[in-house]
Amino acid sequence: MVTGSYFKLCLAAVALAPALLATPAAAVTLITEQEAHLPPDNSVLRSGVERGPDIIAVYPQPNTGMIQSPFEFKVKFQPHGGTQIDLDTLRVVYKRVPAIDLTGRLKDFIRPDGIDMPKAEVPPGDHRIMIFVRDSAGHEGQADIRFDVEKQ
């Protein structure tokens, strides 16, 4: 049985839902100005045949050219052979000296199928982010994501 106050509360929620959904999400700082001024880490990582999950940069894609901040930082995870992504192994690292672990900043945007941060705030300049994740069989996948944010 629905009481009158419960019914009014449901009506209020229904009335407010479009306004809440229409409110644009605030930009979230992915990389700070101070971090962007640290020296870049241009080290080369191992390469070769990997059995781990694919990590695909949806945006920014390789060779995107200059982008504006904020932007949608979106990455897709693709496991293989019936495995699943082990999100407990996910590490997202800003390649500077010293390296900056961005994983905690992205926690609200991490899903089993990838990362979807609608408004990533990043200062102007060249940036490099490395992503590492393992699948349920213990195989590691990695991605080297590079992008250039223009000054506004």
N, C-alpha and C. Protein backbone atom coordinates (compact mmCIF):
# COMPACT_ATOMS: atom_id res chain seq x y z
N MET A 1 0.84 -1.18 0.00
CA MET A 1 0.00 0.00 0.00
C MET A 1 0.88 1.24 0.00
N VAL A 2 0.59 2.20 -0.86
CA VAL A 2 1.37 3.42 -0.99
C VAL A 2 0.73 4.50 -0.14
N THR A 3 1.54 5.11 0.72
CA THR A 3 1.01 6.19 1.56
C THR A 3 1.07 7.50 0.79
N GLY A 4 0.34 8.49 1.26
CA GLY A 4 0.30 9.79 0.59
C GLY A 4 1.65 10.47 0.54
N SER A 5 2.43 10.42 1.63
CA SER A 5 3.74 11.08 1.64
C SER A 5 4.73 10.36 0.72
N TYR A 6 4.66 9.04 0.67
CA TYR A 6 5.52 8.29 -0.23
C TYR A 6 5.19 8.63 -1.68
N PHE A 7 3.90 8.73 -1.99
CA PHE A 7 3.47 9.08 -3.33
C PHE A 7 3.97 10.47 -3.73
N LYS A 8 3.91 11.41 -2.80
CA LYS A 8 4.39 12.78 -3.06
C LYS A 8 5.90 12.78 -3.28
N LEU A 9 6.60 11.97 -2.51
CA LEU A 9 8.05 11.87 -2.67
C LEU A 9 8.41 11.31 -4.05
N CYS A 10 7.66 10.30 -4.49
CA CYS A 10 7.90 9.72 -5.82
C CYS A 10 7.63 10.74 -6.91
N LEU A 11 6.55 11.52 -6.75
CA LEU A 11 6.24 12.55 -7.74
C LEU A 11 7.33 13.61 -7.79
N ALA A 12 7.84 13.99 -6.63
CA ALA A 12 8.91 14.99 -6.59
C ALA A 12 10.17 14.46 -7.28
N ALA A 13 10.50 13.20 -7.05
CA ALA A 13 11.67 12.59 -7.68
C ALA A 13 11.51 12.56 -9.19
N VAL A 14 10.32 12.20 -9.66
CA VAL A 14 10.06 12.16 -11.10
C VAL A 14 10.16 13.56 -11.69
N ALA A 15 9.68 14.56 -10.96
CA ALA A 15 9.71 15.94 -11.45
C ALA A 15 11.14 16.47 -11.52
N LEU A 16 11.99 16.07 -10.58
CA LEU A 16 13.36 16.58 -10.55
C LEU A 16 14.31 15.81 -11.47
N ALA A 17 13.98 14.61 -11.84
CA ALA A 17 14.87 13.77 -12.64
C ALA A 17 15.36 14.44 -13.93
N PRO A 18 14.48 15.06 -14.74
CA PRO A 18 14.98 15.68 -15.97
C PRO A 18 15.98 16.80 -15.69
N ALA A 19 15.76 17.57 -14.65
CA ALA A 19 16.69 18.66 -14.32
C ALA A 19 18.04 18.10 -13.90
N LEU A 20 18.04 17.04 -13.11
CA LEU A 20 19.29 16.44 -12.67
C LEU A 20 20.04 15.80 -13.84
N LEU A 21 19.32 15.16 -14.72
CA LEU A 21 19.95 14.52 -15.87
C LEU A 21 20.47 15.54 -16.87
N ALA A 22 19.83 16.71 -16.95
CA ALA A 22 20.25 17.73 -17.91
C ALA A 22 21.44 18.54 -17.41
N THR A 23 21.74 18.47 -16.11
CA THR A 23 22.85 19.23 -15.56
C THR A 23 24.15 18.62 -16.06
N PRO A 24 24.98 19.44 -16.75
CA PRO A 24 26.23 18.88 -17.25
C PRO A 24 27.18 18.54 -16.10
N ALA A 25 27.90 17.46 -16.27
CA ALA A 25 28.86 17.04 -15.24
C ALA A 25 30.02 18.04 -15.20
N ALA A 26 30.47 18.33 -14.01
CA ALA A 26 31.60 19.23 -13.86
C ALA A 26 32.88 18.53 -14.31
N ALA A 27 33.80 19.32 -14.83
CA ALA A 27 35.09 18.76 -15.24
C ALA A 27 35.85 18.30 -14.01
N VAL A 28 36.58 17.20 -14.14
CA VAL A 28 37.37 16.63 -13.05
C VAL A 28 38.84 16.68 -13.48
N THR A 29 39.69 17.14 -12.58
CA THR A 29 41.11 17.25 -12.90
C THR A 29 41.73 15.86 -12.99
N LEU A 30 42.24 15.55 -14.16
CA LEU A 30 42.96 14.30 -14.37
C LEU A 30 44.45 14.52 -14.14
N ILE A 31 44.97 15.64 -14.64
CA ILE A 31 46.38 15.99 -14.50
C ILE A 31 46.46 17.44 -14.06
N THR A 32 47.25 17.73 -13.04
CA THR A 32 47.38 19.10 -12.54
C THR A 32 48.47 19.86 -13.32
N GLU A 33 48.45 21.18 -13.19
CA GLU A 33 49.50 22.02 -13.81
C GLU A 33 50.87 21.62 -13.28
N GLN A 34 50.97 21.44 -11.97
CA GLN A 34 52.24 21.08 -11.34
C GLN A 34 52.77 19.76 -11.90
N GLU A 35 51.91 18.78 -12.05
CA GLU A 35 52.32 17.49 -12.59
C GLU A 35 52.76 17.61 -14.04
N ALA A 36 52.07 18.44 -14.81
CA ALA A 36 52.41 18.61 -16.23
C ALA A 36 53.78 19.26 -16.42
N HIS A 37 54.25 19.99 -15.39
CA HIS A 37 55.56 20.65 -15.50
C HIS A 37 56.72 19.75 -15.09
N LEU A 38 56.43 18.55 -14.58
CA LEU A 38 57.50 17.61 -14.26
C LEU A 38 58.14 17.12 -15.56
N PRO A 39 59.39 16.67 -15.51
CA PRO A 39 60.04 16.17 -16.73
C PRO A 39 59.32 14.92 -17.25
N PRO A 40 59.20 14.81 -18.57
CA PRO A 40 58.54 13.63 -19.15
C PRO A 40 59.39 12.37 -18.98
N ASP A 41 58.72 11.25 -18.85
CA ASP A 41 59.38 9.94 -18.81
C ASP A 41 59.19 9.34 -20.20
N ASN A 42 60.25 9.31 -20.98
CA ASN A 42 60.20 8.81 -22.35
C ASN A 42 60.70 7.37 -22.46
N SER A 43 60.69 6.66 -21.35
CA SER A 43 61.18 5.29 -21.37
C SER A 43 60.33 4.44 -22.32
N VAL A 44 60.98 3.42 -22.87
CA VAL A 44 60.32 2.51 -23.79
C VAL A 44 59.98 1.24 -23.02
N LEU A 45 58.75 0.81 -23.15
CA LEU A 45 58.32 -0.41 -22.47
C LEU A 45 58.53 -1.61 -23.37
N ARG A 46 58.48 -2.78 -22.74
CA ARG A 46 58.65 -4.02 -23.49
C ARG A 46 57.56 -4.14 -24.56
N SER A 47 57.87 -4.88 -25.58
CA SER A 47 56.87 -5.13 -26.62
C SER A 47 57.00 -6.58 -27.05
N GLY A 48 56.07 -7.02 -27.83
CA GLY A 48 56.08 -8.39 -28.28
C GLY A 48 54.67 -8.94 -28.28
N VAL A 49 54.56 -10.22 -28.50
CA VAL A 49 53.25 -10.86 -28.55
C VAL A 49 52.71 -10.96 -27.12
N GLU A 50 51.53 -10.45 -26.92
CA GLU A 50 50.89 -10.47 -25.60
C GLU A 50 49.59 -11.26 -25.67
N ARG A 51 49.28 -11.99 -24.61
CA ARG A 51 48.02 -12.71 -24.54
C ARG A 51 47.02 -11.99 -23.65
N GLY A 52 47.43 -10.86 -23.11
CA GLY A 52 46.59 -10.12 -22.18
C GLY A 52 45.47 -9.37 -22.89
N PRO A 53 44.63 -8.71 -22.11
CA PRO A 53 43.51 -7.97 -22.70
C PRO A 53 43.99 -6.79 -23.52
N ASP A 54 43.20 -6.45 -24.54
CA ASP A 54 43.48 -5.24 -25.31
C ASP A 54 42.96 -4.04 -24.54
N ILE A 55 43.71 -2.97 -24.60
CA ILE A 55 43.30 -1.70 -24.02
C ILE A 55 43.27 -0.72 -25.18
N ILE A 56 42.08 -0.27 -25.54
CA ILE A 56 41.89 0.52 -26.76
C ILE A 56 41.54 1.96 -26.39
N ALA A 57 42.34 2.89 -26.86
CA ALA A 57 42.05 4.31 -26.64
C ALA A 57 40.93 4.72 -27.58
N VAL A 58 39.74 4.96 -27.04
CA VAL A 58 38.61 5.43 -27.85
C VAL A 58 38.77 6.93 -28.08
N TYR A 59 39.10 7.68 -27.02
CA TYR A 59 39.42 9.10 -27.14
C TYR A 59 40.27 9.52 -25.97
N PRO A 60 41.39 10.19 -26.25
CA PRO A 60 41.91 10.53 -27.56
C PRO A 60 42.59 9.34 -28.24
N GLN A 61 42.30 9.19 -29.51
CA GLN A 61 42.89 8.12 -30.31
C GLN A 61 44.29 8.54 -30.76
N PRO A 62 45.11 7.55 -31.13
CA PRO A 62 46.42 7.89 -31.68
C PRO A 62 46.27 8.81 -32.89
N ASN A 63 47.17 9.74 -33.02
CA ASN A 63 47.20 10.68 -34.15
C ASN A 63 45.96 11.56 -34.23
N THR A 64 45.35 11.85 -33.08
CA THR A 64 44.17 12.73 -33.06
C THR A 64 44.57 14.16 -33.35
N GLY A 65 45.79 14.52 -33.05
CA GLY A 65 46.21 15.91 -33.20
C GLY A 65 45.89 16.66 -31.91
N MET A 66 45.85 17.98 -32.02
CA MET A 66 45.59 18.81 -30.85
C MET A 66 44.15 18.64 -30.38
N ILE A 67 43.98 18.53 -29.07
CA ILE A 67 42.63 18.45 -28.49
C ILE A 67 42.46 19.57 -27.48
N GLN A 68 41.22 19.84 -27.12
CA GLN A 68 40.93 20.87 -26.13
C GLN A 68 40.49 20.22 -24.83
N SER A 69 40.80 20.88 -23.74
CA SER A 69 40.40 20.41 -22.42
C SER A 69 39.26 21.28 -21.92
N PRO A 70 38.27 20.71 -21.25
CA PRO A 70 38.14 19.31 -20.90
C PRO A 70 37.71 18.47 -22.11
N PHE A 71 38.00 17.18 -22.03
CA PHE A 71 37.65 16.25 -23.09
C PHE A 71 37.19 14.95 -22.46
N GLU A 72 36.55 14.09 -23.27
CA GLU A 72 36.12 12.79 -22.78
C GLU A 72 37.29 11.82 -22.88
N PHE A 73 37.77 11.37 -21.73
CA PHE A 73 38.83 10.36 -21.69
C PHE A 73 38.15 9.01 -21.66
N LYS A 74 38.27 8.27 -22.76
CA LYS A 74 37.52 7.03 -22.88
C LYS A 74 38.43 5.92 -23.39
N VAL A 75 38.43 4.81 -22.65
CA VAL A 75 39.26 3.65 -22.96
C VAL A 75 38.39 2.41 -22.85
N LYS A 76 38.60 1.46 -23.77
CA LYS A 76 37.83 0.22 -23.76
C LYS A 76 38.76 -0.95 -23.44
N PHE A 77 38.28 -1.87 -22.58
CA PHE A 77 39.02 -3.10 -22.27
C PHE A 77 38.38 -4.25 -23.02
N GLN A 78 39.22 -5.09 -23.66
CA GLN A 78 38.73 -6.27 -24.38
C GLN A 78 39.50 -7.50 -23.94
N PRO A 79 38.88 -8.33 -23.08
CA PRO A 79 39.55 -9.57 -22.68
C PRO A 79 39.45 -10.61 -23.80
N HIS A 80 40.26 -11.65 -23.70
CA HIS A 80 40.28 -12.71 -24.72
C HIS A 80 40.12 -14.08 -24.08
N GLY A 81 39.65 -15.04 -24.88
CA GLY A 81 39.60 -16.44 -24.47
C GLY A 81 38.74 -16.73 -23.27
N GLY A 82 37.63 -16.02 -23.12
CA GLY A 82 36.71 -16.28 -22.02
C GLY A 82 37.16 -15.73 -20.68
N THR A 83 38.22 -14.94 -20.67
CA THR A 83 38.67 -14.34 -19.42
C THR A 83 37.87 -13.08 -19.13
N GLN A 84 38.07 -12.55 -17.94
CA GLN A 84 37.43 -11.29 -17.55
C GLN A 84 38.51 -10.32 -17.10
N ILE A 85 38.20 -9.03 -17.16
CA ILE A 85 39.12 -8.01 -16.69
C ILE A 85 39.15 -8.04 -15.17
N ASP A 86 40.34 -8.01 -14.60
CA ASP A 86 40.50 -7.93 -13.14
C ASP A 86 40.77 -6.48 -12.78
N LEU A 87 39.72 -5.76 -12.42
CA LEU A 87 39.84 -4.32 -12.15
C LEU A 87 40.74 -4.02 -10.94
N ASP A 88 40.95 -5.01 -10.07
CA ASP A 88 41.83 -4.80 -8.93
C ASP A 88 43.29 -4.63 -9.37
N THR A 89 43.62 -5.03 -10.59
CA THR A 89 44.99 -4.90 -11.10
C THR A 89 45.20 -3.65 -11.94
N LEU A 90 44.14 -2.88 -12.16
CA LEU A 90 44.24 -1.70 -13.03
C LEU A 90 45.15 -0.64 -12.44
N ARG A 91 46.08 -0.16 -13.27
CA ARG A 91 46.95 0.96 -12.91
C ARG A 91 46.97 1.93 -14.08
N VAL A 92 46.73 3.20 -13.78
CA VAL A 92 46.79 4.25 -14.78
C VAL A 92 47.87 5.22 -14.30
N VAL A 93 48.91 5.38 -15.12
CA VAL A 93 50.09 6.13 -14.70
C VAL A 93 50.39 7.26 -15.68
N TYR A 94 50.56 8.47 -15.13
CA TYR A 94 51.01 9.63 -15.92
C TYR A 94 52.52 9.54 -15.97
N LYS A 95 53.07 9.42 -17.18
CA LYS A 95 54.50 9.18 -17.37
C LYS A 95 55.30 10.46 -17.25
N ARG A 96 55.65 10.76 -16.00
CA ARG A 96 56.52 11.87 -15.66
C ARG A 96 57.57 11.33 -14.69
N VAL A 97 58.56 12.15 -14.38
CA VAL A 97 59.58 11.76 -13.41
C VAL A 97 59.40 12.67 -12.20
N PRO A 98 58.88 12.13 -11.11
CA PRO A 98 58.47 10.75 -10.88
C PRO A 98 57.10 10.47 -11.51
N ALA A 99 56.80 9.19 -11.68
CA ALA A 99 55.51 8.77 -12.25
C ALA A 99 54.38 9.15 -11.29
N ILE A 100 53.22 9.50 -11.85
CA ILE A 100 52.06 9.89 -11.07
C ILE A 100 50.96 8.84 -11.28
N ASP A 101 50.51 8.22 -10.20
CA ASP A 101 49.44 7.23 -10.28
C ASP A 101 48.10 7.95 -10.34
N LEU A 102 47.39 7.81 -11.46
CA LEU A 102 46.10 8.47 -11.68
C LEU A 102 44.91 7.56 -11.37
N THR A 103 45.17 6.33 -10.99
CA THR A 103 44.10 5.34 -10.82
C THR A 103 43.03 5.83 -9.85
N GLY A 104 43.42 6.38 -8.73
CA GLY A 104 42.46 6.86 -7.74
C GLY A 104 41.57 7.98 -8.26
N ARG A 105 42.11 8.84 -9.09
CA ARG A 105 41.32 9.94 -9.66
C ARG A 105 40.26 9.44 -10.63
N LEU A 106 40.50 8.27 -11.19
CA LEU A 106 39.59 7.70 -12.19
C LEU A 106 38.59 6.71 -11.60
N LYS A 107 38.66 6.44 -10.31
CA LYS A 107 37.86 5.35 -9.72
C LYS A 107 36.37 5.47 -10.00
N ASP A 108 35.83 6.68 -10.04
CA ASP A 108 34.39 6.85 -10.31
C ASP A 108 34.03 6.62 -11.77
N PHE A 109 35.03 6.49 -12.63
CA PHE A 109 34.79 6.38 -14.06
C PHE A 109 35.21 5.02 -14.63
N ILE A 110 35.65 4.13 -13.76
CA ILE A 110 36.12 2.81 -14.18
C ILE A 110 34.96 1.83 -14.18
N ARG A 111 34.84 1.09 -15.29
CA ARG A 111 33.81 0.08 -15.46
C ARG A 111 34.49 -1.22 -15.91
N PRO A 112 33.81 -2.35 -15.81
CA PRO A 112 34.43 -3.61 -16.27
C PRO A 112 34.85 -3.58 -17.74
N ASP A 113 34.19 -2.76 -18.55
CA ASP A 113 34.53 -2.70 -19.97
C ASP A 113 35.43 -1.53 -20.34
N GLY A 114 35.88 -0.73 -19.35
CA GLY A 114 36.79 0.36 -19.66
C GLY A 114 36.69 1.53 -18.71
N ILE A 115 37.15 2.68 -19.21
CA ILE A 115 37.15 3.93 -18.46
C ILE A 115 36.37 4.94 -19.29
N ASP A 116 35.46 5.67 -18.64
CA ASP A 116 34.69 6.71 -19.34
C ASP A 116 34.58 7.92 -18.43
N MET A 117 35.51 8.86 -18.62
CA MET A 117 35.54 10.11 -17.85
C MET A 117 35.05 11.21 -18.78
N PRO A 118 33.80 11.67 -18.59
CA PRO A 118 33.19 12.61 -19.55
C PRO A 118 33.92 13.94 -19.70
N LYS A 119 34.49 14.46 -18.63
CA LYS A 119 35.14 15.77 -18.71
C LYS A 119 36.46 15.75 -17.95
N ALA A 120 37.50 15.29 -18.62
CA ALA A 120 38.84 15.24 -18.03
C ALA A 120 39.51 16.58 -18.24
N GLU A 121 39.90 17.21 -17.15
CA GLU A 121 40.60 18.50 -17.20
C GLU A 121 42.10 18.23 -17.19
N VAL A 122 42.78 18.73 -18.24
CA VAL A 122 44.22 18.50 -18.40
C VAL A 122 44.83 19.81 -18.89
N PRO A 123 45.97 20.23 -18.33
CA PRO A 123 46.60 21.47 -18.79
C PRO A 123 47.18 21.32 -20.20
N PRO A 124 47.45 22.44 -20.86
CA PRO A 124 48.05 22.39 -22.20
C PRO A 124 49.40 21.67 -22.18
N GLY A 125 49.72 21.03 -23.30
CA GLY A 125 51.01 20.37 -23.44
C GLY A 125 50.89 18.94 -23.92
N ASP A 126 52.07 18.30 -24.06
CA ASP A 126 52.14 16.90 -24.47
C ASP A 126 52.00 16.01 -23.24
N HIS A 127 51.19 14.98 -23.36
CA HIS A 127 50.93 14.10 -22.22
C HIS A 127 51.04 12.63 -22.66
N ARG A 128 51.45 11.80 -21.71
CA ARG A 128 51.57 10.36 -21.95
C ARG A 128 51.03 9.61 -20.74
N ILE A 129 50.04 8.76 -20.98
CA ILE A 129 49.45 7.96 -19.92
C ILE A 129 49.61 6.49 -20.28
N MET A 130 50.08 5.72 -19.32
CA MET A 130 50.20 4.27 -19.50
C MET A 130 49.10 3.61 -18.68
N ILE A 131 48.46 2.60 -19.28
CA ILE A 131 47.43 1.84 -18.59
C ILE A 131 47.84 0.37 -18.59
N PHE A 132 47.75 -0.25 -17.41
CA PHE A 132 48.08 -1.66 -17.23
C PHE A 132 46.89 -2.34 -16.58
N VAL A 133 46.49 -3.49 -17.09
CA VAL A 133 45.42 -4.27 -16.46
C VAL A 133 45.64 -5.75 -16.79
N ARG A 134 45.27 -6.62 -15.86
CA ARG A 134 45.38 -8.06 -16.07
C ARG A 134 44.00 -8.67 -16.23
N ASP A 135 43.97 -9.83 -16.87
CA ASP A 135 42.71 -10.56 -16.98
C ASP A 135 42.67 -11.63 -15.89
N SER A 136 41.58 -12.37 -15.84
CA SER A 136 41.39 -13.37 -14.79
C SER A 136 42.38 -14.53 -14.89
N ALA A 137 43.08 -14.66 -16.01
CA ALA A 137 44.12 -15.68 -16.15
C ALA A 137 45.50 -15.13 -15.78
N GLY A 138 45.57 -13.86 -15.41
CA GLY A 138 46.83 -13.26 -15.00
C GLY A 138 47.63 -12.63 -16.11
N HIS A 139 47.12 -12.61 -17.34
CA HIS A 139 47.83 -11.99 -18.46
C HIS A 139 47.64 -10.48 -18.42
N GLU A 140 48.74 -9.76 -18.61
CA GLU A 140 48.68 -8.30 -18.55
C GLU A 140 48.58 -7.68 -19.94
N GLY A 141 47.74 -6.67 -20.04
CA GLY A 141 47.67 -5.84 -21.23
C GLY A 141 48.15 -4.45 -20.85
N GLN A 142 48.67 -3.74 -21.83
CA GLN A 142 49.12 -2.37 -21.56
C GLN A 142 48.84 -1.50 -22.76
N ALA A 143 48.66 -0.22 -22.47
CA ALA A 143 48.44 0.76 -23.54
C ALA A 143 49.25 2.01 -23.22
N ASP A 144 49.79 2.60 -24.25
CA ASP A 144 50.57 3.83 -24.17
C ASP A 144 49.76 4.90 -24.90
N ILE A 145 49.13 5.79 -24.15
CA ILE A 145 48.25 6.80 -24.74
C ILE A 145 48.94 8.15 -24.68
N ARG A 146 49.11 8.75 -25.85
CA ARG A 146 49.77 10.06 -25.96
C ARG A 146 48.81 11.04 -26.62
N PHE A 147 48.80 12.26 -26.09
CA PHE A 147 47.94 13.29 -26.66
C PHE A 147 48.50 14.66 -26.35
N ASP A 148 48.06 15.65 -27.13
CA ASP A 148 48.55 17.01 -27.00
C ASP A 148 47.35 17.93 -26.80
N VAL A 149 47.33 18.64 -25.68
CA VAL A 149 46.24 19.57 -25.37
C VAL A 149 46.68 20.97 -25.75
N GLU A 150 45.85 21.66 -26.52
CA GLU A 150 46.20 23.00 -26.97
C GLU A 150 45.85 24.04 -25.92
N LYS A 151 46.57 25.17 -26.00
CA LYS A 151 46.27 26.32 -25.13
C LYS A 151 45.03 27.00 -25.65
N GLN A 152 44.23 27.48 -24.72
CA GLN A 152 43.00 28.17 -25.13
C GLN A 152 43.13 29.65 -24.97
